[in-house]
């Protein structure tokens, strides 16, 4: 970039989200009857901050894939990761960021050099933010399902813990529809046929396959410890630990991929089909554990 001030602004500073979006963000945890919905509507109409962020995000994403200066390209990628992980920015202007990532970066999913650059620089965390929270979930899922075991080996334990947390959130969000067909109206079937769209059920089954694929690779590469660590905070992985890991000989089955795939499929399916009262027992155990640790 010719202008060093513009370079610093784009590569190192968080774009201003606007005062209205900041105020709206600050009331996000208030009860519904305490929130100012007029403020939220006004914040959504604050186009100045949105348009500037749109410009910044597109410049950053284009630098990642098209910049001849590799150091600047990596710096742009690190800035995208930084913005992705800032909750205020993601909640306020994350759709503009995800659009830029989708248009410039995910469209290069078959470019080996770009994919390697992403995976070596916290790109997996970006993928999993988008997979759970953005409108470009399908694009992110294509990136995720192609991550190899060797590429998983490059990741830090912090990244692995984040991925496990995001997967748990995905399972909670989707629920039983990850594995069971949902009721679809004739109108929806016909509309999808006319538009040439995949069925929702196919997408959800693909989600389940991606989840099982990722969990299997993480278990094979990192062992049980990341999941056991997570089980102190997450009822799903507390269930996995108690119902499977405690009697699972990791060294014996580590490289038995069909065994790992089948067991992950079975244990996640069991969790999704667990009745409310049984699931609540695990949730209560987590709450009790967290309360005891807090004191």
C-alpha atoms as a PDB file:
ATOM      1  CA  UNK A   1       0.000   0.000   0.000  1.00  0.00           C
ATOM      2  CA  UNK A   2       1.317   3.441  -0.916  1.00  0.00           C
ATOM      3  CA  UNK A   3      -0.207   5.254   2.064  1.00  0.00           C
ATOM      4  CA  UNK A   4       1.322   4.070   5.380  1.00  0.00           C
ATOM      5  CA  UNK A   5      -1.512   5.610   7.399  1.00  0.00           C
ATOM      6  CA  UNK A   6      -4.124   3.724   5.386  1.00  0.00           C
ATOM      7  CA  UNK A   7      -2.033   0.568   5.699  1.00  0.00           C
ATOM      8  CA  UNK A   8      -1.921   0.903   9.488  1.00  0.00           C
ATOM      9  CA  UNK A   9      -5.638   1.623   9.627  1.00  0.00           C
ATOM     10  CA  UNK A  10      -6.578  -1.451   7.607  1.00  0.00           C
ATOM     11  CA  UNK A  11      -4.002  -3.922   8.889  1.00  0.00           C
ATOM     12  CA  UNK A  12      -3.819  -3.001  12.569  1.00  0.00           C
ATOM     13  CA  UNK A  13      -6.897  -1.084  13.725  1.00  0.00           C
ATOM     14  CA  UNK A  14     -10.405  -2.320  14.413  1.00  0.00           C
ATOM     15  CA  UNK A  15     -12.856  -0.349  12.265  1.00  0.00           C
ATOM     16  CA  UNK A  16     -15.255   1.808  14.236  1.00  0.00           C
ATOM     17  CA  UNK A  17     -18.558  -0.024  14.671  1.00  0.00           C
ATOM     18  CA  UNK A  18     -20.403   3.224  15.341  1.00  0.00           C
ATOM     19  CA  UNK A  19     -21.738   4.588  18.623  1.00  0.00           C
ATOM     20  CA  UNK A  20     -25.240   3.200  18.080  1.00  0.00           C
ATOM     21  CA  UNK A  21     -23.982  -0.318  17.422  1.00  0.00           C
ATOM     22  CA  UNK A  22     -21.769  -0.071  20.492  1.00  0.00           C
ATOM     23  CA  UNK A  23     -24.739   0.932  22.663  1.00  0.00           C
ATOM     24  CA  UNK A  24     -26.831  -1.832  21.116  1.00  0.00           C
ATOM     25  CA  UNK A  25     -24.090  -4.370  21.831  1.00  0.00           C
ATOM     26  CA  UNK A  26     -23.860  -3.250  25.456  1.00  0.00           C
ATOM     27  CA  UNK A  27     -27.512  -4.161  26.060  1.00  0.00           C
ATOM     28  CA  UNK A  28     -27.293  -7.607  24.425  1.00  0.00           C
ATOM     29  CA  UNK A  29     -27.538  -9.501  27.730  1.00  0.00           C
ATOM     30  CA  UNK A  30     -30.414  -7.509  29.170  1.00  0.00           C
ATOM     31  CA  UNK A  31     -33.840  -9.141  29.574  1.00  0.00           C
ATOM     32  CA  UNK A  32     -36.173  -8.561  26.632  1.00  0.00           C
ATOM     33  CA  UNK A  33     -38.301  -6.083  28.551  1.00  0.00           C
ATOM     34  CA  UNK A  34     -35.236  -3.996  29.416  1.00  0.00           C
ATOM     35  CA  UNK A  35     -33.814  -3.686  25.910  1.00  0.00           C
ATOM     36  CA  UNK A  36     -34.254  -0.613  23.748  1.00  0.00           C
ATOM     37  CA  UNK A  37     -35.426  -2.051  20.435  1.00  0.00           C
ATOM     38  CA  UNK A  38     -35.636   1.384  18.849  1.00  0.00           C
ATOM     39  CA  UNK A  39     -31.922   1.730  19.514  1.00  0.00           C
ATOM     40  CA  UNK A  40     -31.261  -1.615  17.832  1.00  0.00           C
ATOM     41  CA  UNK A  41     -33.226  -0.553  14.755  1.00  0.00           C
ATOM     42  CA  UNK A  42     -31.341   2.732  14.558  1.00  0.00           C
ATOM     43  CA  UNK A  43     -28.035   0.885  14.947  1.00  0.00           C
ATOM     44  CA  UNK A  44     -28.919  -1.386  12.036  1.00  0.00           C
ATOM     45  CA  UNK A  45     -29.585   1.701   9.904  1.00  0.00           C
ATOM     46  CA  UNK A  46     -26.172   3.232  10.681  1.00  0.00           C
ATOM     47  CA  UNK A  47     -24.729   2.687   7.212  1.00  0.00           C
ATOM     48  CA  UNK A  48     -21.558   4.757   7.546  1.00  0.00           C
ATOM     49  CA  UNK A  49     -19.804   2.274   9.837  1.00  0.00           C
ATOM     50  CA  UNK A  50     -21.137  -0.667   7.845  1.00  0.00           C
ATOM     51  CA  UNK A  51     -19.923   0.687   4.513  1.00  0.00           C
ATOM     52  CA  UNK A  52     -16.463   1.473   5.862  1.00  0.00           C
ATOM     53  CA  UNK A  53     -16.163  -1.985   7.412  1.00  0.00           C
ATOM     54  CA  UNK A  54     -17.317  -3.472   4.116  1.00  0.00           C
ATOM     55  CA  UNK A  55     -14.463  -1.635   2.388  1.00  0.00           C
ATOM     56  CA  UNK A  56     -11.881  -2.689   5.001  1.00  0.00           C
ATOM     57  CA  UNK A  57     -12.998  -6.322   5.050  1.00  0.00           C
ATOM     58  CA  UNK A  58     -12.868  -6.621   1.275  1.00  0.00           C
ATOM     59  CA  UNK A  59      -9.401  -5.077   1.134  1.00  0.00           C
ATOM     60  CA  UNK A  60      -8.169  -7.478   3.830  1.00  0.00           C
ATOM     61  CA  UNK A  61      -9.654 -10.546   2.161  1.00  0.00           C
ATOM     62  CA  UNK A  62      -8.291  -9.563  -1.243  1.00  0.00           C
ATOM     63  CA  UNK A  63      -4.820  -9.059   0.247  1.00  0.00           C
ATOM     64  CA  UNK A  64      -4.897 -12.593   1.644  1.00  0.00           C
ATOM     65  CA  UNK A  65      -5.368 -14.152  -1.788  1.00  0.00           C
ATOM     66  CA  UNK A  66      -3.934 -11.611  -4.248  1.00  0.00           C
ATOM     67  CA  UNK A  67      -1.107  -9.700  -2.569  1.00  0.00           C
ATOM     68  CA  UNK A  68       2.389 -10.273  -3.980  1.00  0.00           C
ATOM     69  CA  UNK A  69       3.912  -9.207  -0.646  1.00  0.00           C
ATOM     70  CA  UNK A  70       3.602 -12.380   1.436  1.00  0.00           C
ATOM     71  CA  UNK A  71       4.267 -10.580   4.723  1.00  0.00           C
ATOM     72  CA  UNK A  72       1.419  -8.173   4.031  1.00  0.00           C
ATOM     73  CA  UNK A  73      -0.813 -11.059   2.987  1.00  0.00           C
ATOM     74  CA  UNK A  74      -0.144 -12.868   6.278  1.00  0.00           C
ATOM     75  CA  UNK A  75      -0.687  -9.639   8.213  1.00  0.00           C
ATOM     76  CA  UNK A  76      -4.057  -9.203   6.483  1.00  0.00           C
ATOM     77  CA  UNK A  77      -5.007 -12.767   7.401  1.00  0.00           C
ATOM     78  CA  UNK A  78      -4.014 -12.179  11.018  1.00  0.00           C
ATOM     79  CA  UNK A  79      -6.166  -9.052  11.044  1.00  0.00           C
ATOM     80  CA  UNK A  80      -9.145 -10.988   9.677  1.00  0.00           C
ATOM     81  CA  UNK A  81      -8.634 -13.549  12.425  1.00  0.00           C
ATOM     82  CA  UNK A  82      -8.379 -10.781  15.030  1.00  0.00           C
ATOM     83  CA  UNK A  83     -11.592  -9.125  13.859  1.00  0.00           C
ATOM     84  CA  UNK A  84     -13.342 -12.493  13.739  1.00  0.00           C
ATOM     85  CA  UNK A  85     -12.477 -13.170  17.372  1.00  0.00           C
ATOM     86  CA  UNK A  86     -13.561  -9.744  18.675  1.00  0.00           C
ATOM     87  CA  UNK A  87     -17.116 -10.337  19.825  1.00  0.00           C
ATOM     88  CA  UNK A  88     -18.144  -6.681  19.497  1.00  0.00           C
ATOM     89  CA  UNK A  89     -17.013  -6.549  15.875  1.00  0.00           C
ATOM     90  CA  UNK A  90     -18.460  -9.921  14.960  1.00  0.00           C
ATOM     91  CA  UNK A  91     -21.832  -9.167  16.528  1.00  0.00           C
ATOM     92  CA  UNK A  92     -21.976  -5.664  15.055  1.00  0.00           C
ATOM     93  CA  UNK A  93     -20.478  -6.054  11.585  1.00  0.00           C
ATOM     94  CA  UNK A  94     -19.702  -9.744  11.262  1.00  0.00           C
ATOM     95  CA  UNK A  95     -21.938 -10.257   8.245  1.00  0.00           C
ATOM     96  CA  UNK A  96     -19.814  -7.849   6.201  1.00  0.00           C
ATOM     97  CA  UNK A  97     -16.664  -9.651   7.347  1.00  0.00           C
ATOM     98  CA  UNK A  98     -18.051 -13.086   6.503  1.00  0.00           C
ATOM     99  CA  UNK A  99     -19.226 -11.867   3.093  1.00  0.00           C
ATOM    100  CA  UNK A 100     -15.702 -10.695   2.284  1.00  0.00           C
ATOM    101  CA  UNK A 101     -14.174 -13.970   3.479  1.00  0.00           C
ATOM    102  CA  UNK A 102     -16.704 -15.916   1.440  1.00  0.00           C
ATOM    103  CA  UNK A 103     -16.254 -13.897  -1.747  1.00  0.00           C
ATOM    104  CA  UNK A 104     -12.465 -13.706  -1.740  1.00  0.00           C
ATOM    105  CA  UNK A 105     -11.119 -16.563   0.383  1.00  0.00           C
ATOM    106  CA  UNK A 106     -13.565 -19.468   0.378  1.00  0.00           C
ATOM    107  CA  UNK A 107     -13.793 -19.210  -3.399  1.00  0.00           C
ATOM    108  CA  UNK A 108     -10.142 -20.370  -3.431  1.00  0.00           C
ATOM    109  CA  UNK A 109     -10.895 -23.561  -1.509  1.00  0.00           C
ATOM    110  CA  UNK A 110      -9.102 -25.652  -4.141  1.00  0.00           C
ATOM    111  CA  UNK A 111      -5.949 -23.521  -4.136  1.00  0.00           C
ATOM    112  CA  UNK A 112      -3.517 -25.602  -2.089  1.00  0.00           C
ATOM    113  CA  UNK A 113      -1.124 -22.746  -1.294  1.00  0.00           C
ATOM    114  CA  UNK A 114      -3.877 -20.447  -0.058  1.00  0.00           C
ATOM    115  CA  UNK A 115      -5.467 -23.220   1.999  1.00  0.00           C
ATOM    116  CA  UNK A 116      -2.103 -24.029   3.592  1.00  0.00           C
ATOM    117  CA  UNK A 117      -1.597 -20.352   4.405  1.00  0.00           C
ATOM    118  CA  UNK A 118      -5.011 -20.210   6.053  1.00  0.00           C
ATOM    119  CA  UNK A 119      -4.526 -23.360   8.091  1.00  0.00           C
ATOM    120  CA  UNK A 120      -1.067 -22.277   9.244  1.00  0.00           C
ATOM    121  CA  UNK A 121      -2.378 -18.922  10.501  1.00  0.00           C
ATOM    122  CA  UNK A 122      -5.470 -19.640  12.607  1.00  0.00           C
ATOM    123  CA  UNK A 123      -7.691 -20.047   9.567  1.00  0.00           C
ATOM    124  CA  UNK A 124      -9.423 -23.019  11.166  1.00  0.00           C
ATOM    125  CA  UNK A 125     -10.795 -20.733  13.878  1.00  0.00           C
ATOM    126  CA  UNK A 126     -12.180 -18.438  11.176  1.00  0.00           C
ATOM    127  CA  UNK A 127     -13.789 -21.439   9.468  1.00  0.00           C
ATOM    128  CA  UNK A 128     -15.499 -22.533  12.672  1.00  0.00           C
ATOM    129  CA  UNK A 129     -16.771 -19.068  13.531  1.00  0.00           C
ATOM    130  CA  UNK A 130     -18.362 -18.911  10.085  1.00  0.00           C
ATOM    131  CA  UNK A 131     -19.601 -22.499  10.240  1.00  0.00           C
ATOM    132  CA  UNK A 132     -21.568 -21.821  13.417  1.00  0.00           C
ATOM    133  CA  UNK A 133     -22.499 -18.157  13.240  1.00  0.00           C
ATOM    134  CA  UNK A 134     -22.477 -16.726   9.716  1.00  0.00           C
ATOM    135  CA  UNK A 135     -24.529 -16.848   6.543  1.00  0.00           C
ATOM    136  CA  UNK A 136     -21.727 -18.629   4.644  1.00  0.00           C
ATOM    137  CA  UNK A 137     -21.894 -21.867   6.623  1.00  0.00           C
ATOM    138  CA  UNK A 138     -21.860 -24.034   3.505  1.00  0.00           C
ATOM    139  CA  UNK A 139     -18.657 -22.430   2.208  1.00  0.00           C
ATOM    140  CA  UNK A 140     -16.998 -22.797   5.604  1.00  0.00           C
ATOM    141  CA  UNK A 141     -18.096 -26.425   5.836  1.00  0.00           C
ATOM    142  CA  UNK A 142     -16.384 -27.203   2.528  1.00  0.00           C
ATOM    143  CA  UNK A 143     -13.141 -25.839   3.943  1.00  0.00           C
ATOM    144  CA  UNK A 144     -13.553 -27.815   7.160  1.00  0.00           C
ATOM    145  CA  UNK A 145     -14.261 -31.210   5.669  1.00  0.00           C
ATOM    146  CA  UNK A 146     -11.084 -31.062   3.579  1.00  0.00           C
ATOM    147  CA  UNK A 147      -8.751 -30.451   6.537  1.00  0.00           C
ATOM    148  CA  UNK A 148      -6.380 -33.408   6.757  1.00  0.00           C
ATOM    149  CA  UNK A 149      -5.079 -35.131   9.877  1.00  0.00           C
ATOM    150  CA  UNK A 150      -1.627 -33.676   9.183  1.00  0.00           C
ATOM    151  CA  UNK A 151      -3.124 -30.187   9.024  1.00  0.00           C
ATOM    152  CA  UNK A 152      -4.931 -30.782  12.308  1.00  0.00           C
ATOM    153  CA  UNK A 153      -1.562 -31.694  13.834  1.00  0.00           C
ATOM    154  CA  UNK A 154      -0.373 -28.136  13.142  1.00  0.00           C
ATOM    155  CA  UNK A 155      -3.039 -26.633  15.385  1.00  0.00           C
ATOM    156  CA  UNK A 156      -2.545 -25.390  18.926  1.00  0.00           C
ATOM    157  CA  UNK A 157      -4.474 -26.870  21.825  1.00  0.00           C
ATOM    158  CA  UNK A 158      -6.228 -23.503  22.128  1.00  0.00           C
ATOM    159  CA  UNK A 159      -7.560 -23.891  18.595  1.00  0.00           C
ATOM    160  CA  UNK A 160      -8.582 -27.490  19.262  1.00  0.00           C
ATOM    161  CA  UNK A 161     -10.495 -26.482  22.387  1.00  0.00           C
ATOM    162  CA  UNK A 162     -12.229 -23.741  20.431  1.00  0.00           C
ATOM    163  CA  UNK A 163     -13.212 -26.172  17.669  1.00  0.00           C
ATOM    164  CA  UNK A 164     -14.608 -28.662  20.186  1.00  0.00           C
ATOM    165  CA  UNK A 165     -16.630 -25.876  21.812  1.00  0.00           C
ATOM    166  CA  UNK A 166     -18.011 -24.745  18.450  1.00  0.00           C
ATOM    167  CA  UNK A 167     -18.953 -28.296  17.482  1.00  0.00           C
ATOM    168  CA  UNK A 168     -20.826 -28.690  20.749  1.00  0.00           C
ATOM    169  CA  UNK A 169     -22.652 -25.440  20.006  1.00  0.00           C
ATOM    170  CA  UNK A 170     -23.543 -26.694  16.527  1.00  0.00           C
ATOM    171  CA  UNK A 171     -24.933 -29.926  17.981  1.00  0.00           C
ATOM    172  CA  UNK A 172     -26.961 -27.973  20.530  1.00  0.00           C
ATOM    173  CA  UNK A 173     -28.286 -25.577  17.891  1.00  0.00           C
ATOM    174  CA  UNK A 174     -29.331 -28.238  15.397  1.00  0.00           C
ATOM    175  CA  UNK A 175     -30.496 -30.878  17.872  1.00  0.00           C
ATOM    176  CA  UNK A 176     -32.175 -34.065  16.738  1.00  0.00           C
ATOM    177  CA  UNK A 177     -32.581 -32.739  13.183  1.00  0.00           C
ATOM    178  CA  UNK A 178     -28.886 -33.487  12.652  1.00  0.00           C
ATOM    179  CA  UNK A 179     -29.812 -37.161  12.416  1.00  0.00           C
ATOM    180  CA  UNK A 180     -33.560 -37.312  11.776  1.00  0.00           C
ATOM    181  CA  UNK A 181     -35.573 -36.094   8.824  1.00  0.00           C
ATOM    182  CA  UNK A 182     -37.751 -33.143   9.644  1.00  0.00           C
ATOM    183  CA  UNK A 183     -41.247 -32.577   8.310  1.00  0.00           C
ATOM    184  CA  UNK A 184     -41.158 -30.611   5.066  1.00  0.00           C
ATOM    185  CA  UNK A 185     -44.225 -29.108   3.429  1.00  0.00           C
ATOM    186  CA  UNK A 186     -45.140 -29.900  -0.179  1.00  0.00           C
ATOM    187  CA  UNK A 187     -44.708 -26.213  -0.946  1.00  0.00           C
ATOM    188  CA  UNK A 188     -41.109 -26.260   0.314  1.00  0.00           C
ATOM    189  CA  UNK A 189     -40.342 -29.422  -1.651  1.00  0.00           C
ATOM    190  CA  UNK A 190     -41.722 -27.899  -4.840  1.00  0.00           C
ATOM    191  CA  UNK A 191     -39.961 -24.584  -4.278  1.00  0.00           C
ATOM    192  CA  UNK A 192     -36.611 -26.309  -3.790  1.00  0.00           C
ATOM    193  CA  UNK A 193     -37.218 -28.389  -6.909  1.00  0.00           C
ATOM    194  CA  UNK A 194     -37.922 -25.272  -8.968  1.00  0.00           C
ATOM    195  CA  UNK A 195     -34.876 -23.453  -7.594  1.00  0.00           C
ATOM    196  CA  UNK A 196     -32.638 -26.510  -7.872  1.00  0.00           C
ATOM    197  CA  UNK A 197     -31.662 -26.372  -4.198  1.00  0.00           C
ATOM    198  CA  UNK A 198     -30.436 -29.192  -1.993  1.00  0.00           C
ATOM    199  CA  UNK A 199     -32.885 -30.322   0.633  1.00  0.00           C
ATOM    200  CA  UNK A 200     -32.442 -29.067   4.176  1.00  0.00           C
ATOM    201  CA  UNK A 201     -32.217 -32.676   5.340  1.00  0.00           C
ATOM    202  CA  UNK A 202     -29.278 -33.347   3.023  1.00  0.00           C
ATOM    203  CA  UNK A 203     -27.489 -30.297   4.416  1.00  0.00           C
ATOM    204  CA  UNK A 204     -28.105 -31.373   7.997  1.00  0.00           C
ATOM    205  CA  UNK A 205     -26.881 -34.918   7.323  1.00  0.00           C
ATOM    206  CA  UNK A 206     -23.790 -33.396   5.747  1.00  0.00           C
ATOM    207  CA  UNK A 207     -23.340 -31.351   8.926  1.00  0.00           C
ATOM    208  CA  UNK A 208     -23.473 -34.524  10.988  1.00  0.00           C
ATOM    209  CA  UNK A 209     -20.886 -36.191   8.754  1.00  0.00           C
ATOM    210  CA  UNK A 210     -18.580 -33.170   9.052  1.00  0.00           C
ATOM    211  CA  UNK A 211     -18.923 -33.177  12.844  1.00  0.00           C
ATOM    212  CA  UNK A 212     -18.062 -36.878  13.049  1.00  0.00           C
ATOM    213  CA  UNK A 213     -15.160 -36.411  10.638  1.00  0.00           C
ATOM    214  CA  UNK A 214     -13.653 -33.577  12.688  1.00  0.00           C
ATOM    215  CA  UNK A 215     -14.137 -35.291  16.050  1.00  0.00           C
ATOM    216  CA  UNK A 216     -12.502 -38.450  14.705  1.00  0.00           C
ATOM    217  CA  UNK A 217      -9.451 -36.624  13.376  1.00  0.00           C
ATOM    218  CA  UNK A 218      -9.015 -34.621  16.576  1.00  0.00           C
ATOM    219  CA  UNK A 219      -9.268 -37.768  18.695  1.00  0.00           C
ATOM    220  CA  UNK A 220      -6.783 -39.604  16.487  1.00  0.00           C
ATOM    221  CA  UNK A 221      -4.270 -36.742  16.558  1.00  0.00           C
ATOM    222  CA  UNK A 222      -4.662 -35.298  20.066  1.00  0.00           C
ATOM    223  CA  UNK A 223      -6.116 -38.170  22.047  1.00  0.00           C
ATOM    224  CA  UNK A 224      -8.804 -37.993  24.708  1.00  0.00           C
ATOM    225  CA  UNK A 225      -7.359 -35.118  26.737  1.00  0.00           C
ATOM    226  CA  UNK A 226      -8.910 -32.148  24.865  1.00  0.00           C
ATOM    227  CA  UNK A 227     -12.346 -33.739  25.196  1.00  0.00           C
ATOM    228  CA  UNK A 228     -11.828 -34.640  28.846  1.00  0.00           C
ATOM    229  CA  UNK A 229     -10.700 -31.068  29.536  1.00  0.00           C
ATOM    230  CA  UNK A 230     -13.839 -29.799  27.835  1.00  0.00           C
ATOM    231  CA  UNK A 231     -16.016 -32.187  29.848  1.00  0.00           C
ATOM    232  CA  UNK A 232     -15.563 -29.975  32.911  1.00  0.00           C
ATOM    233  CA  UNK A 233     -17.638 -27.281  31.174  1.00  0.00           C
ATOM    234  CA  UNK A 234     -19.757 -29.096  28.623  1.00  0.00           C
ATOM    235  CA  UNK A 235     -22.470 -31.684  29.362  1.00  0.00           C
ATOM    236  CA  UNK A 236     -22.096 -33.284  25.926  1.00  0.00           C
ATOM    237  CA  UNK A 237     -18.454 -34.163  26.492  1.00  0.00           C
ATOM    238  CA  UNK A 238     -19.091 -35.129  30.098  1.00  0.00           C
ATOM    239  CA  UNK A 239     -21.496 -37.689  28.637  1.00  0.00           C
ATOM    240  CA  UNK A 240     -18.923 -38.787  26.033  1.00  0.00           C
ATOM    241  CA  UNK A 241     -16.293 -39.190  28.725  1.00  0.00           C
ATOM    242  CA  UNK A 242     -18.458 -41.198  31.093  1.00  0.00           C
ATOM    243  CA  UNK A 243     -20.210 -43.350  28.505  1.00  0.00           C
ATOM    244  CA  UNK A 244     -17.267 -44.057  26.189  1.00  0.00           C
ATOM    245  CA  UNK A 245     -13.838 -42.666  27.053  1.00  0.00           C
ATOM    246  CA  UNK A 246     -13.606 -44.157  30.543  1.00  0.00           C
ATOM    247  CA  UNK A 247     -13.657 -47.649  29.035  1.00  0.00           C
ATOM    248  CA  UNK A 248     -11.944 -46.835  25.745  1.00  0.00           C
ATOM    249  CA  UNK A 249      -8.387 -48.077  25.110  1.00  0.00           C
ATOM    250  CA  UNK A 250      -7.027 -45.211  23.046  1.00  0.00           C
ATOM    251  CA  UNK A 251      -3.669 -46.790  22.229  1.00  0.00           C
ATOM    252  CA  UNK A 252      -5.370 -49.890  20.880  1.00  0.00           C
ATOM    253  CA  UNK A 253      -7.884 -48.102  18.659  1.00  0.00           C
ATOM    254  CA  UNK A 254      -6.157 -44.803  17.837  1.00  0.00           C
ATOM    255  CA  UNK A 255      -5.643 -45.593  14.142  1.00  0.00           C
ATOM    256  CA  UNK A 256      -8.733 -47.742  13.678  1.00  0.00           C
ATOM    257  CA  UNK A 257     -10.646 -45.112  11.725  1.00  0.00           C
ATOM    258  CA  UNK A 258     -13.841 -47.151  11.144  1.00  0.00           C
ATOM    259  CA  UNK A 259     -13.999 -47.862  14.889  1.00  0.00           C
ATOM    260  CA  UNK A 260     -13.574 -44.185  15.785  1.00  0.00           C
ATOM    261  CA  UNK A 261     -16.112 -43.042  13.191  1.00  0.00           C
ATOM    262  CA  UNK A 262     -18.670 -45.609  14.320  1.00  0.00           C
ATOM    263  CA  UNK A 263     -18.241 -44.800  17.988  1.00  0.00           C
ATOM    264  CA  UNK A 264     -18.469 -41.052  17.498  1.00  0.00           C
ATOM    265  CA  UNK A 265     -21.585 -41.579  15.389  1.00  0.00           C
ATOM    266  CA  UNK A 266     -23.089 -43.786  18.071  1.00  0.00           C
ATOM    267  CA  UNK A 267     -22.287 -41.580  21.067  1.00  0.00           C
ATOM    268  CA  UNK A 268     -23.447 -38.321  19.443  1.00  0.00           C
ATOM    269  CA  UNK A 269     -26.632 -40.039  18.262  1.00  0.00           C
ATOM    270  CA  UNK A 270     -27.252 -41.329  21.784  1.00  0.00           C
ATOM    271  CA  UNK A 271     -26.797 -37.823  23.182  1.00  0.00           C
ATOM    272  CA  UNK A 272     -29.200 -36.320  20.662  1.00  0.00           C
ATOM    273  CA  UNK A 273     -31.814 -38.952  21.516  1.00  0.00           C
ATOM    274  CA  UNK A 274     -31.335 -38.668  25.266  1.00  0.00           C
ATOM    275  CA  UNK A 275     -34.550 -37.645  26.986  1.00  0.00           C
ATOM    276  CA  UNK A 276     -34.753 -34.288  28.695  1.00  0.00           C
ATOM    277  CA  UNK A 277     -34.502 -35.547  32.279  1.00  0.00           C
ATOM    278  CA  UNK A 278     -31.370 -37.608  31.603  1.00  0.00           C
ATOM    279  CA  UNK A 279     -29.724 -34.763  29.741  1.00  0.00           C
ATOM    280  CA  UNK A 280     -30.536 -32.401  32.591  1.00  0.00           C
ATOM    281  CA  UNK A 281     -28.559 -34.628  34.944  1.00  0.00           C
ATOM    282  CA  UNK A 282     -25.396 -33.912  32.973  1.00  0.00           C
ATOM    283  CA  UNK A 283     -26.185 -30.217  32.754  1.00  0.00           C
ATOM    284  CA  UNK A 284     -26.691 -30.131  36.518  1.00  0.00           C
ATOM    285  CA  UNK A 285     -23.368 -31.886  37.105  1.00  0.00           C
ATOM    286  CA  UNK A 286     -21.629 -29.210  35.049  1.00  0.00           C
ATOM    287  CA  UNK A 287     -23.420 -26.409  36.877  1.00  0.00           C
ATOM    288  CA  UNK A 288     -22.508 -27.918  40.251  1.00  0.00           C
ATOM    289  CA  UNK A 289     -18.881 -28.342  39.196  1.00  0.00           C
ATOM    290  CA  UNK A 290     -18.642 -24.740  37.988  1.00  0.00           C
ATOM    291  CA  UNK A 291     -20.311 -23.444  41.149  1.00  0.00           C
ATOM    292  CA  UNK A 292     -17.939 -25.419  43.381  1.00  0.00           C
ATOM    293  CA  UNK A 293     -14.922 -24.132  41.474  1.00  0.00           C
ATOM    294  CA  UNK A 294     -16.230 -20.571  41.661  1.00  0.00           C
ATOM    295  CA  UNK A 295     -16.269 -20.801  45.449  1.00  0.00           C
END
